Amino acid sequence: MSRPKIARKSTFIDMTAMCDVAFLLLSFFMLATKFKPDEPVVVVTPASISQVILPDADIMLITVDAKGRVFFSVDNKNIRKGLIQDMNEYKGLGLNETEMNSFAIGGSIGTPFNQIKGYLDAAPEARAAYDKTTAGVPTDTSVNNPDNELAMWIRSARNNNPKLRICIKADGEAAYPSVQKIIATLAGWKIFKFNLITNLKAVPAGTFAAQPASTAAK
């Protein structure tokens, strides 16, 4: 006796609910995403074969552009707010709450202390124009030099968060003395561990670094 044949029917899936969920997620990410502030200068870092990946948070960034100008930044908004409050009290900057909030949500700072109030009170367009001409944060090889304002930024930032990972992002065209002052300042605060941000390049063939790990260990 033959089996009765069951008619095949195409499967229909209603995608309406999935589309609604997708648009809801898209709207959520668009509204909740916090964009990183633009950096005041463009830096072309040198290339290296290092593959160390930096963490996404708790970063103290010291930037050196091709002219040797130094800019300072901390990525955490709460740490930035505590940092500027400390510096406002310690250096007597005379900042109001609005100006300190402007610093907390901003990017790297390359302004001397005696000009920082006017900088934070200015419109974004005026700040961008100032960043093109500023001399950067004053630095020196000694942390005891009162003109070494970078040393004060570093000390205050570390007081607010001792776990900050220090990164130096220097342009490939920057003169070595500009970077050496930063390294000497870190050493003055007994900080000997930091990272240099570079672009990744391929390992040159035939070099020691290109050998397999088992071969290089012998």
N, C-alpha and C. Protein backbone atom coordinates (compact mmCIF):
# COMPACT_ATOMS: atom_id res chain seq x y z
N MET A 1 0.86 -1.19 0.00
CA MET A 1 0.00 0.00 0.00
C MET A 1 0.89 1.24 0.00
N SER A 2 0.66 2.13 -0.91
CA SER A 2 1.51 3.32 -1.02
C SER A 2 1.16 4.35 0.05
N ARG A 3 2.20 5.10 0.47
CA ARG A 3 1.98 6.16 1.46
C ARG A 3 1.38 7.40 0.80
N PRO A 4 0.50 8.03 1.54
CA PRO A 4 -0.07 9.27 0.97
C PRO A 4 1.00 10.37 0.90
N LYS A 5 1.02 11.10 -0.17
CA LYS A 5 1.98 12.17 -0.33
C LYS A 5 1.48 13.46 0.32
N ILE A 6 2.40 14.07 1.09
CA ILE A 6 2.06 15.32 1.77
C ILE A 6 2.59 16.48 0.93
N ALA A 7 1.74 17.37 0.62
CA ALA A 7 2.15 18.51 -0.21
C ALA A 7 3.16 19.37 0.52
N ARG A 8 4.22 19.72 -0.19
CA ARG A 8 5.24 20.57 0.39
C ARG A 8 4.81 22.04 0.33
N LYS A 9 5.00 22.69 1.45
CA LYS A 9 4.66 24.10 1.52
C LYS A 9 5.92 24.91 1.85
N SER A 10 6.06 26.06 1.21
CA SER A 10 7.22 26.92 1.49
C SER A 10 7.10 27.52 2.89
N THR A 11 8.23 27.66 3.55
CA THR A 11 8.26 28.22 4.91
C THR A 11 8.22 29.74 4.84
N PHE A 12 7.35 30.33 5.60
CA PHE A 12 7.24 31.79 5.63
C PHE A 12 7.62 32.29 7.02
N ILE A 13 8.58 33.20 7.07
CA ILE A 13 9.02 33.78 8.33
C ILE A 13 8.69 35.27 8.32
N ASP A 14 7.96 35.68 9.29
CA ASP A 14 7.61 37.11 9.39
C ASP A 14 8.80 37.86 9.98
N MET A 15 9.42 38.74 9.17
CA MET A 15 10.62 39.47 9.59
C MET A 15 10.30 40.84 10.19
N THR A 16 9.02 41.13 10.34
CA THR A 16 8.64 42.46 10.84
C THR A 16 9.22 42.72 12.23
N ALA A 17 9.09 41.75 13.11
CA ALA A 17 9.58 41.93 14.49
C ALA A 17 11.10 42.10 14.51
N MET A 18 11.81 41.34 13.69
CA MET A 18 13.26 41.44 13.66
C MET A 18 13.71 42.82 13.15
N CYS A 19 13.02 43.34 12.14
CA CYS A 19 13.34 44.68 11.62
C CYS A 19 13.12 45.74 12.69
N ASP A 20 12.04 45.58 13.46
CA ASP A 20 11.77 46.54 14.52
C ASP A 20 12.89 46.52 15.56
N VAL A 21 13.30 45.33 15.94
CA VAL A 21 14.38 45.21 16.93
C VAL A 21 15.67 45.81 16.40
N ALA A 22 15.97 45.56 15.12
CA ALA A 22 17.20 46.10 14.53
C ALA A 22 17.21 47.62 14.55
N PHE A 23 16.09 48.24 14.19
CA PHE A 23 16.01 49.70 14.21
C PHE A 23 16.06 50.26 15.62
N LEU A 24 15.48 49.54 16.58
CA LEU A 24 15.55 49.98 17.97
C LEU A 24 16.99 49.94 18.49
N LEU A 25 17.72 48.87 18.15
CA LEU A 25 19.12 48.78 18.55
C LEU A 25 19.96 49.87 17.90
N LEU A 26 19.70 50.11 16.61
CA LEU A 26 20.44 51.16 15.90
C LEU A 26 20.19 52.52 16.53
N SER A 27 18.94 52.80 16.87
CA SER A 27 18.61 54.08 17.50
C SER A 27 19.28 54.19 18.86
N PHE A 28 19.31 53.10 19.61
CA PHE A 28 19.93 53.11 20.93
C PHE A 28 21.42 53.44 20.84
N PHE A 29 22.13 52.76 19.93
CA PHE A 29 23.57 53.00 19.81
C PHE A 29 23.87 54.41 19.31
N MET A 30 23.01 54.92 18.43
CA MET A 30 23.22 56.28 17.93
C MET A 30 23.06 57.31 19.03
N LEU A 31 22.11 57.09 19.92
CA LEU A 31 21.84 58.05 20.99
C LEU A 31 22.77 57.88 22.18
N ALA A 32 23.22 56.65 22.43
CA ALA A 32 24.02 56.38 23.63
C ALA A 32 25.52 56.47 23.40
N THR A 33 25.94 56.44 22.14
CA THR A 33 27.38 56.46 21.86
C THR A 33 27.98 57.82 22.18
N LYS A 34 29.12 57.81 22.87
CA LYS A 34 29.85 59.05 23.19
C LYS A 34 31.06 59.13 22.26
N PHE A 35 31.08 60.16 21.44
CA PHE A 35 32.16 60.31 20.49
C PHE A 35 33.40 60.89 21.16
N LYS A 36 34.56 60.39 20.77
CA LYS A 36 35.82 60.87 21.32
C LYS A 36 36.13 62.26 20.78
N PRO A 37 36.53 63.20 21.66
CA PRO A 37 36.85 64.55 21.17
C PRO A 37 37.99 64.52 20.17
N ASP A 38 37.93 65.43 19.21
CA ASP A 38 38.99 65.51 18.21
C ASP A 38 40.30 65.95 18.87
N GLU A 39 41.40 65.36 18.41
CA GLU A 39 42.71 65.76 18.90
C GLU A 39 43.10 67.10 18.28
N PRO A 40 43.79 67.96 19.04
CA PRO A 40 44.12 69.30 18.53
C PRO A 40 45.17 69.29 17.43
N VAL A 41 45.98 68.23 17.34
CA VAL A 41 47.03 68.16 16.33
C VAL A 41 47.02 66.79 15.66
N VAL A 42 47.51 66.76 14.44
CA VAL A 42 47.64 65.50 13.70
C VAL A 42 49.08 65.01 13.86
N VAL A 43 49.24 63.79 14.33
CA VAL A 43 50.56 63.22 14.58
C VAL A 43 50.74 61.98 13.73
N VAL A 44 51.84 61.93 13.00
CA VAL A 44 52.19 60.76 12.19
C VAL A 44 53.26 59.99 12.96
N THR A 45 52.86 58.91 13.59
CA THR A 45 53.79 58.16 14.43
C THR A 45 54.71 57.29 13.59
N PRO A 46 55.93 57.04 14.07
CA PRO A 46 56.83 56.14 13.35
C PRO A 46 56.34 54.70 13.40
N ALA A 47 56.86 53.87 12.52
CA ALA A 47 56.44 52.46 12.44
C ALA A 47 57.38 51.58 13.25
N SER A 48 56.84 50.49 13.80
CA SER A 48 57.64 49.51 14.52
C SER A 48 56.96 48.15 14.37
N ILE A 49 57.64 47.11 14.83
CA ILE A 49 57.09 45.76 14.74
C ILE A 49 56.42 45.33 16.04
N SER A 50 56.34 46.23 17.02
CA SER A 50 55.72 45.91 18.30
C SER A 50 54.23 45.65 18.12
N GLN A 51 53.72 44.60 18.76
CA GLN A 51 52.31 44.23 18.64
C GLN A 51 51.60 44.33 19.99
N VAL A 52 52.12 45.11 20.92
CA VAL A 52 51.49 45.29 22.22
C VAL A 52 50.23 46.12 22.04
N ILE A 53 49.11 45.60 22.51
CA ILE A 53 47.82 46.28 22.37
C ILE A 53 47.55 47.07 23.64
N LEU A 54 47.26 48.35 23.49
CA LEU A 54 46.98 49.19 24.65
C LEU A 54 45.55 48.99 25.12
N PRO A 55 45.29 49.18 26.42
CA PRO A 55 43.92 49.07 26.92
C PRO A 55 43.05 50.21 26.39
N ASP A 56 41.75 50.04 26.53
CA ASP A 56 40.81 51.03 26.01
C ASP A 56 40.49 52.13 27.02
N ALA A 57 40.88 51.95 28.28
CA ALA A 57 40.53 52.92 29.32
C ALA A 57 41.72 53.17 30.24
N ASP A 58 41.59 54.21 31.06
CA ASP A 58 42.62 54.58 32.03
C ASP A 58 43.95 54.88 31.33
N ILE A 59 43.89 55.78 30.37
CA ILE A 59 45.07 56.14 29.59
C ILE A 59 45.44 57.61 29.85
N MET A 60 46.72 57.84 30.16
CA MET A 60 47.27 59.19 30.17
C MET A 60 48.07 59.35 28.88
N LEU A 61 47.64 60.26 28.03
CA LEU A 61 48.26 60.42 26.72
C LEU A 61 49.06 61.72 26.66
N ILE A 62 50.34 61.60 26.31
CA ILE A 62 51.20 62.76 26.12
C ILE A 62 51.58 62.78 24.64
N THR A 63 51.14 63.80 23.94
CA THR A 63 51.32 63.91 22.50
C THR A 63 52.40 64.93 22.17
N VAL A 64 53.26 64.60 21.22
CA VAL A 64 54.29 65.52 20.74
C VAL A 64 54.14 65.63 19.24
N ASP A 65 53.88 66.84 18.74
CA ASP A 65 53.71 66.99 17.30
C ASP A 65 55.05 67.21 16.62
N ALA A 66 55.03 67.41 15.32
CA ALA A 66 56.27 67.52 14.54
C ALA A 66 57.09 68.74 14.95
N LYS A 67 56.44 69.76 15.52
CA LYS A 67 57.14 70.96 15.97
C LYS A 67 57.70 70.84 17.38
N GLY A 68 57.43 69.70 18.03
CA GLY A 68 57.91 69.51 19.40
C GLY A 68 56.97 70.03 20.46
N ARG A 69 55.77 70.45 20.06
CA ARG A 69 54.80 70.94 21.03
C ARG A 69 54.17 69.77 21.78
N VAL A 70 53.94 69.96 23.07
CA VAL A 70 53.45 68.89 23.94
C VAL A 70 52.00 69.15 24.32
N PHE A 71 51.16 68.10 24.20
CA PHE A 71 49.76 68.16 24.60
C PHE A 71 49.50 67.03 25.60
N PHE A 72 48.62 67.30 26.55
CA PHE A 72 48.37 66.35 27.64
C PHE A 72 46.89 66.00 27.70
N SER A 73 46.60 64.73 28.00
CA SER A 73 45.21 64.31 28.08
C SER A 73 45.06 63.07 28.96
N VAL A 74 43.88 62.95 29.57
CA VAL A 74 43.45 61.75 30.29
C VAL A 74 42.09 61.38 29.73
N ASP A 75 41.84 60.09 29.49
CA ASP A 75 40.64 59.68 28.77
C ASP A 75 39.37 59.65 29.62
N ASN A 76 39.49 59.50 30.94
CA ASN A 76 38.32 59.34 31.80
C ASN A 76 37.75 60.69 32.21
N LYS A 77 36.46 60.92 31.94
CA LYS A 77 35.83 62.20 32.22
C LYS A 77 35.87 62.53 33.71
N ASN A 78 35.60 61.55 34.57
CA ASN A 78 35.59 61.80 36.01
C ASN A 78 36.99 62.15 36.52
N ILE A 79 38.00 61.46 35.98
CA ILE A 79 39.38 61.76 36.37
C ILE A 79 39.76 63.16 35.89
N ARG A 80 39.32 63.52 34.69
CA ARG A 80 39.61 64.86 34.16
C ARG A 80 38.99 65.94 35.03
N LYS A 81 37.78 65.69 35.53
CA LYS A 81 37.12 66.68 36.38
C LYS A 81 37.88 66.85 37.70
N GLY A 82 38.28 65.74 38.31
CA GLY A 82 39.07 65.83 39.53
C GLY A 82 40.42 66.47 39.29
N LEU A 83 41.00 66.18 38.13
CA LEU A 83 42.31 66.73 37.78
C LEU A 83 42.26 68.25 37.65
N ILE A 84 41.28 68.78 36.93
CA ILE A 84 41.21 70.23 36.73
C ILE A 84 40.80 70.94 38.02
N GLN A 85 40.03 70.29 38.86
CA GLN A 85 39.69 70.88 40.16
C GLN A 85 40.95 71.02 41.02
N ASP A 86 41.78 69.99 41.02
CA ASP A 86 43.03 70.06 41.79
C ASP A 86 43.94 71.15 41.25
N MET A 87 44.10 71.21 39.92
CA MET A 87 44.98 72.20 39.33
C MET A 87 44.44 73.61 39.52
N ASN A 88 43.12 73.76 39.51
CA ASN A 88 42.50 75.06 39.73
C ASN A 88 42.82 75.57 41.14
N GLU A 89 42.77 74.67 42.11
CA GLU A 89 43.07 75.05 43.50
C GLU A 89 44.57 75.25 43.71
N TYR A 90 45.37 74.35 43.15
CA TYR A 90 46.82 74.40 43.39
C TYR A 90 47.48 75.59 42.70
N LYS A 91 47.07 75.88 41.46
CA LYS A 91 47.68 76.95 40.70
C LYS A 91 46.88 78.25 40.72
N GLY A 92 45.72 78.24 41.36
CA GLY A 92 44.91 79.44 41.42
C GLY A 92 44.49 79.92 40.04
N LEU A 93 43.93 79.03 39.23
CA LEU A 93 43.58 79.35 37.86
C LEU A 93 42.33 80.21 37.75
N GLY A 94 41.50 80.22 38.79
CA GLY A 94 40.29 81.03 38.77
C GLY A 94 39.21 80.50 37.84
N LEU A 95 39.15 79.20 37.64
CA LEU A 95 38.17 78.61 36.73
C LEU A 95 36.82 78.48 37.42
N ASN A 96 35.75 78.72 36.66
CA ASN A 96 34.41 78.48 37.20
C ASN A 96 33.95 77.07 36.83
N GLU A 97 32.76 76.71 37.28
CA GLU A 97 32.27 75.35 37.06
C GLU A 97 32.09 75.03 35.59
N THR A 98 31.61 76.01 34.82
CA THR A 98 31.41 75.80 33.39
C THR A 98 32.74 75.52 32.69
N GLU A 99 33.76 76.26 33.03
CA GLU A 99 35.07 76.08 32.41
C GLU A 99 35.69 74.74 32.80
N MET A 100 35.49 74.31 34.03
CA MET A 100 36.03 73.01 34.45
C MET A 100 35.27 71.87 33.78
N ASN A 101 33.96 72.04 33.57
CA ASN A 101 33.20 71.03 32.83
C ASN A 101 33.65 70.97 31.38
N SER A 102 33.99 72.12 30.82
CA SER A 102 34.50 72.16 29.45
C SER A 102 35.80 71.38 29.32
N PHE A 103 36.64 71.49 30.33
CA PHE A 103 37.88 70.70 30.33
C PHE A 103 37.58 69.21 30.46
N ALA A 104 36.61 68.87 31.30
CA ALA A 104 36.31 67.46 31.58
C ALA A 104 35.85 66.71 30.34
N ILE A 105 35.14 67.39 29.44
CA ILE A 105 34.60 66.71 28.26
C ILE A 105 35.44 66.98 27.01
N GLY A 106 36.55 67.69 27.17
CA GLY A 106 37.38 68.05 26.03
C GLY A 106 38.44 67.02 25.71
N GLY A 107 39.32 67.40 24.78
CA GLY A 107 40.41 66.52 24.37
C GLY A 107 41.73 66.93 25.01
N SER A 108 42.80 66.75 24.28
CA SER A 108 44.12 67.08 24.80
C SER A 108 44.26 68.58 24.99
N ILE A 109 45.03 68.95 26.01
CA ILE A 109 45.27 70.35 26.33
C ILE A 109 46.73 70.68 26.04
N GLY A 110 46.95 71.78 25.34
CA GLY A 110 48.31 72.21 25.03
C GLY A 110 48.50 73.67 25.41
N THR A 111 47.88 74.06 26.51
CA THR A 111 47.82 75.45 26.92
C THR A 111 48.58 75.68 28.22
N PRO A 112 49.44 76.68 28.30
CA PRO A 112 50.08 77.03 29.58
C PRO A 112 49.04 77.46 30.61
N PHE A 113 49.38 77.35 31.88
CA PHE A 113 48.43 77.67 32.94
C PHE A 113 47.93 79.11 32.86
N ASN A 114 48.78 80.02 32.48
CA ASN A 114 48.36 81.43 32.48
C ASN A 114 47.40 81.77 31.33
N GLN A 115 47.15 80.82 30.43
CA GLN A 115 46.23 81.06 29.33
C GLN A 115 45.04 80.09 29.32
N ILE A 116 45.01 79.19 30.28
CA ILE A 116 44.02 78.11 30.23
C ILE A 116 42.60 78.60 30.49
N LYS A 117 42.43 79.63 31.32
CA LYS A 117 41.08 80.13 31.59
C LYS A 117 40.45 80.70 30.32
N GLY A 118 41.21 81.53 29.60
CA GLY A 118 40.69 82.09 28.37
C GLY A 118 40.43 81.02 27.32
N TYR A 119 41.26 79.98 27.32
CA TYR A 119 41.10 78.89 26.35
C TYR A 119 39.79 78.14 26.61
N LEU A 120 39.53 77.79 27.87
CA LEU A 120 38.34 77.02 28.20
C LEU A 120 37.07 77.84 28.08
N ASP A 121 37.19 79.16 28.18
CA ASP A 121 36.02 80.03 28.07
C ASP A 121 35.68 80.36 26.61
N ALA A 122 36.59 80.02 25.69
CA ALA A 122 36.41 80.37 24.28
C ALA A 122 35.49 79.37 23.58
N ALA A 123 34.98 79.78 22.43
CA ALA A 123 34.15 78.90 21.60
C ALA A 123 35.02 77.83 20.96
N PRO A 124 34.42 76.69 20.56
CA PRO A 124 35.21 75.62 19.94
C PRO A 124 36.03 76.07 18.75
N GLU A 125 35.50 76.97 17.94
CA GLU A 125 36.24 77.45 16.77
C GLU A 125 37.48 78.22 17.19
N ALA A 126 37.35 79.03 18.24
CA ALA A 126 38.49 79.80 18.73
C ALA A 126 39.55 78.88 19.34
N ARG A 127 39.11 77.81 20.00
CA ARG A 127 40.08 76.86 20.57
C ARG A 127 40.85 76.16 19.46
N ALA A 128 40.15 75.77 18.41
CA ALA A 128 40.82 75.10 17.29
C ALA A 128 41.87 76.00 16.66
N ALA A 129 41.55 77.30 16.54
CA ALA A 129 42.52 78.25 15.99
C ALA A 129 43.70 78.43 16.93
N TYR A 130 43.43 78.43 18.23
CA TYR A 130 44.51 78.58 19.22
C TYR A 130 45.44 77.37 19.19
N ASP A 131 44.87 76.17 19.04
CA ASP A 131 45.69 74.95 19.05
C ASP A 131 46.72 74.94 17.91
N LYS A 132 46.44 75.68 16.85
CA LYS A 132 47.37 75.72 15.73
C LYS A 132 48.60 76.58 16.02
N THR A 133 48.46 77.51 16.98
CA THR A 133 49.55 78.45 17.24
C THR A 133 50.17 78.31 18.62
N THR A 134 49.53 77.55 19.51
CA THR A 134 50.04 77.43 20.87
C THR A 134 51.44 76.81 20.90
N ALA A 135 52.21 77.16 21.93
CA ALA A 135 53.54 76.58 22.10
C ALA A 135 53.48 75.24 22.80
N GLY A 136 52.30 74.84 23.27
CA GLY A 136 52.15 73.56 23.96
C GLY A 136 52.39 73.70 25.45
N VAL A 137 52.25 72.59 26.17
CA VAL A 137 52.49 72.57 27.61
C VAL A 137 53.99 72.74 27.86
N PRO A 138 54.39 73.70 28.69
CA PRO A 138 55.82 73.88 28.99
C PRO A 138 56.41 72.64 29.66
N THR A 139 57.60 72.24 29.23
CA THR A 139 58.26 71.06 29.77
C THR A 139 59.71 71.38 30.13
N ASP A 140 60.31 70.48 30.89
CA ASP A 140 61.72 70.61 31.26
C ASP A 140 62.19 69.22 31.69
N THR A 141 63.50 69.09 31.84
CA THR A 141 64.05 67.80 32.25
C THR A 141 63.96 67.57 33.75
N SER A 142 63.66 68.60 34.52
CA SER A 142 63.59 68.49 35.98
C SER A 142 62.17 68.73 36.47
N VAL A 143 61.68 67.86 37.35
CA VAL A 143 60.35 68.05 37.91
C VAL A 143 60.33 69.16 38.94
N ASN A 144 61.49 69.59 39.42
CA ASN A 144 61.57 70.66 40.41
C ASN A 144 61.53 72.04 39.78
N ASN A 145 61.64 72.09 38.45
CA ASN A 145 61.59 73.37 37.77
C ASN A 145 60.13 73.86 37.75
N PRO A 146 59.84 75.04 38.33
CA PRO A 146 58.45 75.53 38.36
C PRO A 146 57.88 75.77 36.97
N ASP A 147 58.73 75.87 35.96
CA ASP A 147 58.25 76.07 34.59
C ASP A 147 57.84 74.75 33.92
N ASN A 148 58.12 73.63 34.57
CA ASN A 148 57.77 72.33 34.00
C ASN A 148 56.32 72.01 34.34
N GLU A 149 55.40 72.57 33.58
CA GLU A 149 53.98 72.38 33.86
C GLU A 149 53.51 70.97 33.54
N LEU A 150 54.19 70.29 32.63
CA LEU A 150 53.84 68.90 32.34
C LEU A 150 54.01 68.04 33.59
N ALA A 151 55.05 68.31 34.37
CA ALA A 151 55.29 67.55 35.60
C ALA A 151 54.11 67.70 36.56
N MET A 152 53.52 68.89 36.62
CA MET A 152 52.38 69.12 37.51
C MET A 152 51.14 68.37 37.02
N TRP A 153 50.93 68.37 35.71
CA TRP A 153 49.79 67.62 35.15
C TRP A 153 49.93 66.13 35.46
N ILE A 154 51.13 65.60 35.26
CA ILE A 154 51.36 64.17 35.49
C ILE A 154 51.15 63.81 36.94
N ARG A 155 51.71 64.60 37.85
CA ARG A 155 51.57 64.31 39.28
C ARG A 155 50.12 64.35 39.71
N SER A 156 49.38 65.37 39.28
CA SER A 156 47.98 65.49 39.68
C SER A 156 47.14 64.36 39.10
N ALA A 157 47.40 63.99 37.85
CA ALA A 157 46.65 62.90 37.23
C ALA A 157 46.90 61.58 37.95
N ARG A 158 48.15 61.33 38.31
CA ARG A 158 48.47 60.09 39.03
C ARG A 158 47.86 60.09 40.43
N ASN A 159 47.74 61.26 41.05
CA ASN A 159 47.09 61.34 42.36
C ASN A 159 45.62 60.98 42.26
N ASN A 160 44.99 61.35 41.15
CA ASN A 160 43.58 61.04 40.95
C ASN A 160 43.36 59.59 40.55
N ASN A 161 44.32 59.01 39.84
CA ASN A 161 44.21 57.60 39.44
C ASN A 161 45.62 57.01 39.27
N PRO A 162 46.16 56.35 40.29
CA PRO A 162 47.51 55.78 40.19
C PRO A 162 47.65 54.69 39.15
N LYS A 163 46.52 54.15 38.66
CA LYS A 163 46.58 53.04 37.71
C LYS A 163 46.59 53.51 36.25
N LEU A 164 46.71 54.80 36.03
CA LEU A 164 46.74 55.31 34.66
C LEU A 164 47.90 54.71 33.87
N ARG A 165 47.62 54.26 32.66
CA ARG A 165 48.65 53.75 31.76
C ARG A 165 49.19 54.92 30.95
N ILE A 166 50.47 55.18 31.04
CA ILE A 166 51.06 56.34 30.40
C ILE A 166 51.53 55.98 28.99
N CYS A 167 51.09 56.79 28.01
CA CYS A 167 51.45 56.56 26.62
C CYS A 167 52.01 57.86 26.03
N ILE A 168 53.09 57.74 25.29
CA ILE A 168 53.68 58.87 24.59
C ILE A 168 53.44 58.66 23.09
N LYS A 169 52.77 59.64 22.49
CA LYS A 169 52.48 59.59 21.06
C LYS A 169 53.24 60.72 20.38
N ALA A 170 54.39 60.40 19.82
CA ALA A 170 55.26 61.42 19.23
C ALA A 170 55.30 61.29 17.71
N ASP A 171 55.28 62.43 17.05
CA ASP A 171 55.40 62.45 15.61
C ASP A 171 56.79 61.97 15.19
N GLY A 172 56.86 61.28 14.06
CA GLY A 172 58.14 60.80 13.58
C GLY A 172 59.12 61.90 13.25
N GLU A 173 58.62 63.13 13.02
CA GLU A 173 59.47 64.26 12.70
C GLU A 173 59.85 65.08 13.94
N ALA A 174 59.34 64.71 15.11
CA ALA A 174 59.65 65.45 16.33
C ALA A 174 61.11 65.26 16.71
N ALA A 175 61.75 66.34 17.17
CA ALA A 175 63.15 66.27 17.59
C ALA A 175 63.26 65.48 18.89
N TYR A 176 64.33 64.71 19.03
CA TYR A 176 64.48 63.85 20.21
C TYR A 176 64.48 64.63 21.52
N PRO A 177 65.10 65.82 21.62
CA PRO A 177 65.07 66.55 22.90
C PRO A 177 63.67 66.80 23.43
N SER A 178 62.70 66.97 22.54
CA SER A 178 61.31 67.18 22.98
C SER A 178 60.77 65.94 23.68
N VAL A 179 61.07 64.77 23.15
CA VAL A 179 60.63 63.52 23.77
C VAL A 179 61.47 63.23 25.01
N GLN A 180 62.74 63.57 24.97
CA GLN A 180 63.63 63.30 26.10
C GLN A 180 63.20 64.07 27.35
N LYS A 181 62.67 65.27 27.18
CA LYS A 181 62.18 66.04 28.33
C LYS A 181 61.02 65.31 29.01
N ILE A 182 60.15 64.71 28.19
CA ILE A 182 59.02 63.96 28.75
C ILE A 182 59.51 62.74 29.53
N ILE A 183 60.44 62.01 28.95
CA ILE A 183 60.98 60.82 29.61
C ILE A 183 61.69 61.21 30.90
N ALA A 184 62.44 62.32 30.89
CA ALA A 184 63.13 62.79 32.09
C ALA A 184 62.13 63.22 33.16
N THR A 185 61.02 63.82 32.74
CA THR A 185 59.99 64.22 33.70
C THR A 185 59.36 62.99 34.36
N LEU A 186 59.06 61.99 33.57
CA LEU A 186 58.51 60.75 34.13
C LEU A 186 59.49 60.11 35.10
N ALA A 187 60.77 60.10 34.74
CA ALA A 187 61.79 59.54 35.62
C ALA A 187 61.89 60.33 36.91
N GLY A 188 61.66 61.65 36.83
CA GLY A 188 61.70 62.47 38.03
C GLY A 188 60.62 62.10 39.03
N TRP A 189 59.51 61.57 38.56
CA TRP A 189 58.44 61.09 39.43
C TRP A 189 58.55 59.58 39.67
N LYS A 190 59.70 59.01 39.35
CA LYS A 190 59.96 57.57 39.54
C LYS A 190 59.02 56.72 38.68
N ILE A 191 58.72 57.20 37.50
CA ILE A 191 57.89 56.45 36.56
C ILE A 191 58.80 55.97 35.43
N PHE A 192 59.01 54.67 35.39
CA PHE A 192 59.92 54.12 34.40
C PHE A 192 59.22 53.17 33.43
N LYS A 193 57.91 53.04 33.57
CA LYS A 193 57.16 52.16 32.69
C LYS A 193 56.13 52.98 31.92
N PHE A 194 56.27 53.02 30.62
CA PHE A 194 55.33 53.74 29.76
C PHE A 194 55.37 53.12 28.38
N ASN A 195 54.46 53.52 27.53
CA ASN A 195 54.36 52.97 26.18
C ASN A 195 54.57 54.07 25.14
N LEU A 196 55.24 53.71 24.06
CA LEU A 196 55.39 54.59 22.91
C LEU A 196 54.43 54.10 21.83
N ILE A 197 53.54 54.96 21.38
CA ILE A 197 52.55 54.58 20.38
C ILE A 197 53.18 54.66 18.99
N THR A 198 53.09 53.58 18.24
CA THR A 198 53.67 53.51 16.89
C THR A 198 52.69 52.85 15.94
N ASN A 199 52.98 52.95 14.66
CA ASN A 199 52.24 52.21 13.64
C ASN A 199 52.88 50.84 13.44
N LEU A 200 52.06 49.84 13.18
CA LEU A 200 52.58 48.49 13.00
C LEU A 200 53.08 48.29 11.57
N LYS A 201 54.26 47.68 11.46
CA LYS A 201 54.80 47.32 10.16
C LYS A 201 55.22 45.86 10.17
N ALA A 202 55.42 45.30 9.00
CA ALA A 202 55.79 43.89 8.89
C ALA A 202 57.21 43.68 9.41
N VAL A 203 57.43 42.50 9.96
CA VAL A 203 58.76 42.16 10.46
C VAL A 203 59.69 41.93 9.27
N PRO A 204 60.83 42.63 9.21
CA PRO A 204 61.76 42.44 8.09
C PRO A 204 62.25 41.00 7.99
N ALA A 205 62.20 40.45 6.81
CA ALA A 205 62.65 39.07 6.61
C ALA A 205 64.15 38.96 6.87
N GLY A 206 64.54 37.83 7.48
CA GLY A 206 65.95 37.58 7.73
C GLY A 206 66.47 38.14 9.03
N THR A 207 65.65 38.89 9.77
CA THR A 207 66.08 39.45 11.04
C THR A 207 65.80 38.47 12.17
N PHE A 208 66.35 38.76 13.34
CA PHE A 208 66.15 37.90 14.50
C PHE A 208 64.67 37.84 14.88
N ALA A 209 63.97 38.98 14.75
CA ALA A 209 62.56 39.02 15.13
C ALA A 209 61.70 38.17 14.21
N ALA A 210 62.19 37.89 12.99
CA ALA A 210 61.40 37.11 12.03
C ALA A 210 61.54 35.61 12.27
N GLN A 211 62.49 35.20 13.12
CA GLN A 211 62.68 33.78 13.37
C GLN A 211 61.55 33.22 14.22
N PRO A 212 61.17 31.95 14.04
CA PRO A 212 60.16 31.35 14.89
C PRO A 212 60.60 31.37 16.35
N ALA A 213 59.62 31.41 17.23
CA ALA A 213 59.93 31.51 18.67
C ALA A 213 60.80 30.36 19.15
N SER A 214 60.57 29.14 18.62
CA SER A 214 61.35 27.99 19.05
C SER A 214 62.81 28.12 18.62
N THR A 215 63.04 28.72 17.44
CA THR A 215 64.40 28.90 16.94
C THR A 215 65.11 30.01 17.67
N ALA A 216 64.39 31.12 17.94
CA ALA A 216 64.99 32.26 18.60
C ALA A 216 65.37 31.97 20.02
N ALA A 217 64.69 31.00 20.65
CA ALA A 217 64.97 30.69 22.05
C ALA A 217 66.23 29.88 22.22
N LYS A 218 66.74 29.28 21.15
CA LYS A 218 67.92 28.42 21.26
C LYS A 218 69.19 29.26 21.36
